[in-house]
Amino acid sequence: MQPEQPTNPEANAPNSDEPTEMYVPNVAEEEVKPAPTRPTESQNPTLKPDNSEPVHWSANETIDAEKGGLWFIALIVIALILIAGDIFWLKEFSFSVLVVVMTAVIIIFSKRPSRVIDYTLSGEQGLYIGEKLYHFNEFKEFGLIQDQGQHSILLIPVKRFSLGVSVYFPEESGEKIVDIFGARLPMRDMKLDFIDTIVRKLKL
């Protein structure tokens, strides 16, 4: 029988050089920050509604106005003045021929009845005039115009020296149409200038 070995209390004591168990913080002890929420339309009034539902309507391309004999006399007088100026000053007879051709074209177009065009306005795609699509990024602003009792929207293109796009619409669809355009283009007060008036009168 072997003698009992004396116990050494220091041998059983834990070594201070050995790593102890790492402290893991409890999730509950840390402050939990709420996730950022996206502002809604009621919280941020600057957010514009998504008017993606398309609007369909039909309207005349131009306003049919009766042109009396005085209108045609004035047109012919203007053409004669231009031809006289060409004969006595410019002496470019090709210009006189051009004036005669343009006068005939204007008379023909003035007699042509206005077409009825189908329009579709989509907040996601743009404005369909017939089958042609105009994207919103083609225009820089728009305005409302009342021409001879008819409501219309005039779209100002981004490209310089380009004619504006005029669209007539029924009054019952006006609010929805203006909301869709207003959500994507700036709106300003507009009046028809001399060129726009001539274009509308001549149905060009």
Protein backbone atom coordinates (compact mmCIF):
# COMPACT_ATOMS: atom_id res chain seq x y z
CA MET A 1 0.00 0.00 0.00
CA GLN A 2 1.48 3.25 -1.09
CA PRO A 3 1.56 6.15 1.24
CA GLU A 4 -0.99 8.93 0.54
CA GLN A 5 0.53 11.80 -1.42
CA PRO A 6 0.24 15.16 0.23
CA THR A 7 -2.07 17.52 -1.56
CA ASN A 8 -0.79 20.85 -2.80
CA PRO A 9 -3.47 23.48 -2.70
CA GLU A 10 -1.51 25.74 -5.09
CA ALA A 11 -1.50 23.02 -7.76
CA ASN A 12 -5.31 22.91 -7.81
CA ALA A 13 -5.60 26.69 -7.96
CA PRO A 14 -6.40 28.08 -11.47
CA ASN A 15 -3.46 29.50 -13.40
CA SER A 16 -3.79 33.22 -13.80
CA ASP A 17 -2.04 32.97 -17.18
CA GLU A 18 -4.76 30.77 -18.68
CA PRO A 19 -7.52 32.66 -20.55
CA THR A 20 -10.83 32.89 -18.82
CA GLU A 21 -14.22 32.62 -20.47
CA MET A 22 -15.02 35.71 -22.67
CA TYR A 23 -17.91 37.87 -21.60
CA VAL A 24 -20.71 37.91 -24.14
CA PRO A 25 -23.11 40.81 -23.63
CA ASN A 26 -26.75 40.04 -23.54
CA VAL A 27 -28.73 41.47 -26.44
CA ALA A 28 -31.30 42.73 -24.01
CA GLU A 29 -28.62 44.77 -22.23
CA GLU A 30 -27.80 46.73 -25.41
CA GLU A 31 -29.96 49.54 -26.62
CA VAL A 32 -31.94 48.35 -29.64
CA LYS A 33 -32.28 51.14 -32.18
CA PRO A 34 -35.43 51.08 -34.29
CA ALA A 35 -34.94 50.60 -37.99
CA PRO A 36 -35.40 53.77 -40.04
CA THR A 37 -38.82 54.01 -41.56
CA ARG A 38 -39.62 55.46 -44.95
CA PRO A 39 -41.73 58.62 -44.70
CA THR A 40 -45.24 58.27 -45.98
CA GLU A 41 -47.15 60.82 -47.99
CA SER A 42 -48.92 62.12 -44.87
CA GLN A 43 -45.61 62.58 -43.05
CA ASN A 44 -43.88 64.22 -45.98
CA PRO A 45 -46.25 66.42 -47.98
CA THR A 46 -43.61 66.98 -50.69
CA LEU A 47 -43.98 63.40 -51.92
CA LYS A 48 -46.15 63.29 -55.04
CA PRO A 49 -48.74 60.62 -55.54
CA ASP A 50 -48.19 57.91 -58.12
CA ASN A 51 -50.84 58.63 -60.68
CA SER A 52 -50.08 55.57 -62.76
CA GLU A 53 -53.66 54.82 -63.81
CA PRO A 54 -53.94 55.89 -67.47
CA VAL A 55 -56.56 58.35 -68.68
CA HIS A 56 -58.23 57.92 -72.08
CA TRP A 57 -60.17 60.56 -73.98
CA SER A 58 -60.96 61.77 -77.50
CA ALA A 59 -60.91 65.36 -78.72
CA ASN A 60 -60.65 67.40 -81.89
CA GLU A 61 -57.15 68.14 -83.14
CA THR A 62 -58.00 71.82 -83.54
CA ILE A 63 -60.96 74.14 -83.10
CA ASP A 64 -63.10 74.47 -86.20
CA ALA A 65 -63.75 78.17 -86.64
CA GLU A 66 -65.70 79.63 -89.48
CA LYS A 67 -63.50 81.70 -91.80
CA GLY A 68 -65.41 84.31 -93.74
CA GLY A 69 -64.51 86.00 -96.97
CA LEU A 70 -62.57 88.70 -95.13
CA TRP A 71 -60.11 86.09 -93.81
CA PHE A 72 -59.33 84.82 -97.32
CA ILE A 73 -59.04 88.37 -98.70
CA ALA A 74 -56.53 89.24 -95.95
CA LEU A 75 -54.52 86.11 -96.73
CA ILE A 76 -54.36 86.94 -100.44
CA VAL A 77 -53.39 90.56 -99.71
CA ILE A 78 -50.50 89.41 -97.50
CA ALA A 79 -49.35 87.03 -100.21
CA LEU A 80 -49.44 89.82 -102.82
CA ILE A 81 -47.42 92.12 -100.56
CA LEU A 82 -44.75 89.43 -100.15
CA ILE A 83 -44.64 88.83 -103.89
CA ALA A 84 -44.34 92.57 -104.58
CA GLY A 85 -41.48 92.82 -102.10
CA ASP A 86 -39.75 89.98 -103.88
CA ILE A 87 -40.18 91.57 -107.32
CA PHE A 88 -38.96 95.07 -106.36
CA TRP A 89 -36.34 94.34 -103.68
CA LEU A 90 -35.28 90.73 -103.37
CA LYS A 91 -35.66 89.82 -107.04
CA GLU A 92 -35.63 86.13 -106.08
CA PHE A 93 -38.52 84.78 -108.11
CA SER A 94 -38.28 81.43 -106.38
CA PHE A 95 -39.51 83.20 -103.24
CA SER A 96 -42.64 84.34 -105.09
CA VAL A 97 -43.30 80.77 -106.18
CA LEU A 98 -42.89 79.63 -102.58
CA VAL A 99 -45.39 82.27 -101.40
CA VAL A 100 -47.97 81.11 -103.93
CA VAL A 101 -47.52 77.45 -102.92
CA MET A 102 -47.75 78.25 -99.21
CA THR A 103 -50.89 80.34 -99.74
CA ALA A 104 -52.56 77.47 -101.59
CA VAL A 105 -51.55 75.00 -98.86
CA ILE A 106 -52.95 77.28 -96.15
CA ILE A 107 -56.27 77.59 -97.95
CA ILE A 108 -56.50 73.81 -98.37
CA PHE A 109 -55.69 73.17 -94.71
CA SER A 110 -58.17 75.80 -93.55
CA LYS A 111 -60.94 73.98 -95.43
CA ARG A 112 -60.01 70.58 -94.00
CA PRO A 113 -62.29 69.43 -91.16
CA SER A 114 -60.63 68.85 -87.80
CA ARG A 115 -59.70 65.25 -87.00
CA VAL A 116 -60.83 63.47 -83.84
CA ILE A 117 -57.77 62.04 -82.07
CA ASP A 118 -57.61 59.43 -79.32
CA TYR A 119 -55.37 60.36 -76.39
CA THR A 120 -53.95 58.19 -73.61
CA LEU A 121 -52.02 59.70 -70.71
CA SER A 122 -50.01 57.25 -68.60
CA GLY A 123 -48.04 58.27 -65.56
CA GLU A 124 -45.46 55.58 -66.28
CA GLN A 125 -45.00 55.97 -70.05
CA GLY A 126 -46.15 59.41 -71.19
CA LEU A 127 -48.72 60.85 -73.57
CA TYR A 128 -50.02 58.91 -76.54
CA ILE A 129 -51.38 61.07 -79.36
CA GLY A 130 -52.92 58.50 -81.61
CA GLU A 131 -50.20 55.85 -81.79
CA LYS A 132 -47.26 58.20 -81.20
CA LEU A 133 -45.77 58.28 -77.70
CA TYR A 134 -44.36 61.47 -76.17
CA HIS A 135 -42.25 60.82 -73.06
CA PHE A 136 -42.32 63.26 -70.16
CA ASN A 137 -38.57 63.90 -70.47
CA GLU A 138 -39.18 65.46 -73.89
CA PHE A 139 -40.84 68.46 -72.20
CA LYS A 140 -39.63 70.93 -69.62
CA GLU A 141 -42.97 72.42 -68.48
CA PHE A 142 -46.65 72.71 -69.30
CA GLY A 143 -49.49 75.16 -68.94
CA LEU A 144 -53.27 75.40 -69.22
CA ILE A 145 -54.81 77.44 -72.01
CA GLN A 146 -58.44 78.25 -72.73
CA ASP A 147 -58.93 78.81 -76.44
CA GLN A 148 -62.39 79.85 -77.64
CA GLY A 149 -64.04 78.16 -74.67
CA GLN A 150 -62.08 74.91 -75.11
CA HIS A 151 -59.60 73.63 -72.52
CA SER A 152 -56.16 72.58 -73.69
CA ILE A 153 -52.69 71.82 -72.36
CA LEU A 154 -49.61 73.23 -74.03
CA LEU A 155 -46.42 71.19 -73.55
CA ILE A 156 -43.15 73.08 -73.99
CA PRO A 157 -40.40 70.85 -75.45
CA VAL A 158 -36.87 70.71 -74.10
CA LYS A 159 -35.34 71.21 -77.56
CA ARG A 160 -35.05 74.80 -78.68
CA PHE A 161 -36.93 76.04 -81.74
CA SER A 162 -39.37 73.14 -81.45
CA LEU A 163 -43.09 73.77 -81.57
CA GLY A 164 -45.10 73.06 -78.46
CA VAL A 165 -47.55 70.18 -78.34
CA SER A 166 -51.14 71.30 -77.83
CA VAL A 167 -53.73 68.86 -76.51
CA TYR A 168 -57.44 69.56 -76.07
CA PHE A 169 -59.29 67.67 -73.36
CA PRO A 170 -62.83 67.47 -71.93
CA GLU A 171 -63.54 69.33 -68.74
CA GLU A 172 -64.58 66.20 -66.81
CA SER A 173 -61.12 64.65 -67.30
CA GLY A 174 -59.19 67.85 -66.65
CA GLU A 175 -58.42 67.32 -62.96
CA LYS A 176 -56.90 63.87 -63.46
CA ILE A 177 -54.91 64.99 -66.50
CA VAL A 178 -53.49 68.02 -64.72
CA ASP A 179 -52.57 65.91 -61.67
CA ILE A 180 -50.56 63.46 -63.80
CA PHE A 181 -48.71 66.21 -65.65
CA GLY A 182 -48.21 68.21 -62.45
CA ALA A 183 -46.56 65.25 -60.71
CA ARG A 184 -43.86 65.11 -63.39
CA LEU A 185 -43.52 68.56 -64.97
CA PRO A 186 -43.49 72.10 -63.56
CA MET A 187 -46.57 74.13 -64.36
CA ARG A 188 -46.65 77.83 -65.21
CA ASP A 189 -49.10 80.38 -66.54
CA MET A 190 -49.07 80.49 -70.33
CA LYS A 191 -50.61 82.54 -73.09
CA LEU A 192 -50.59 81.84 -76.79
CA ASP A 193 -47.94 83.82 -78.61
CA PHE A 194 -48.24 85.02 -82.19
CA ILE A 195 -46.69 81.87 -83.70
CA ASP A 196 -48.89 79.51 -81.68
CA THR A 197 -51.98 81.49 -82.64
CA ILE A 198 -51.11 81.32 -86.34
CA VAL A 199 -50.40 77.58 -86.11
CA ARG A 200 -53.75 76.93 -84.44
CA LYS A 201 -55.63 79.11 -86.90
CA LEU A 202 -54.03 77.38 -89.87
CA LYS A 203 -54.36 73.88 -88.34
CA LEU A 204 -50.68 73.12 -88.89
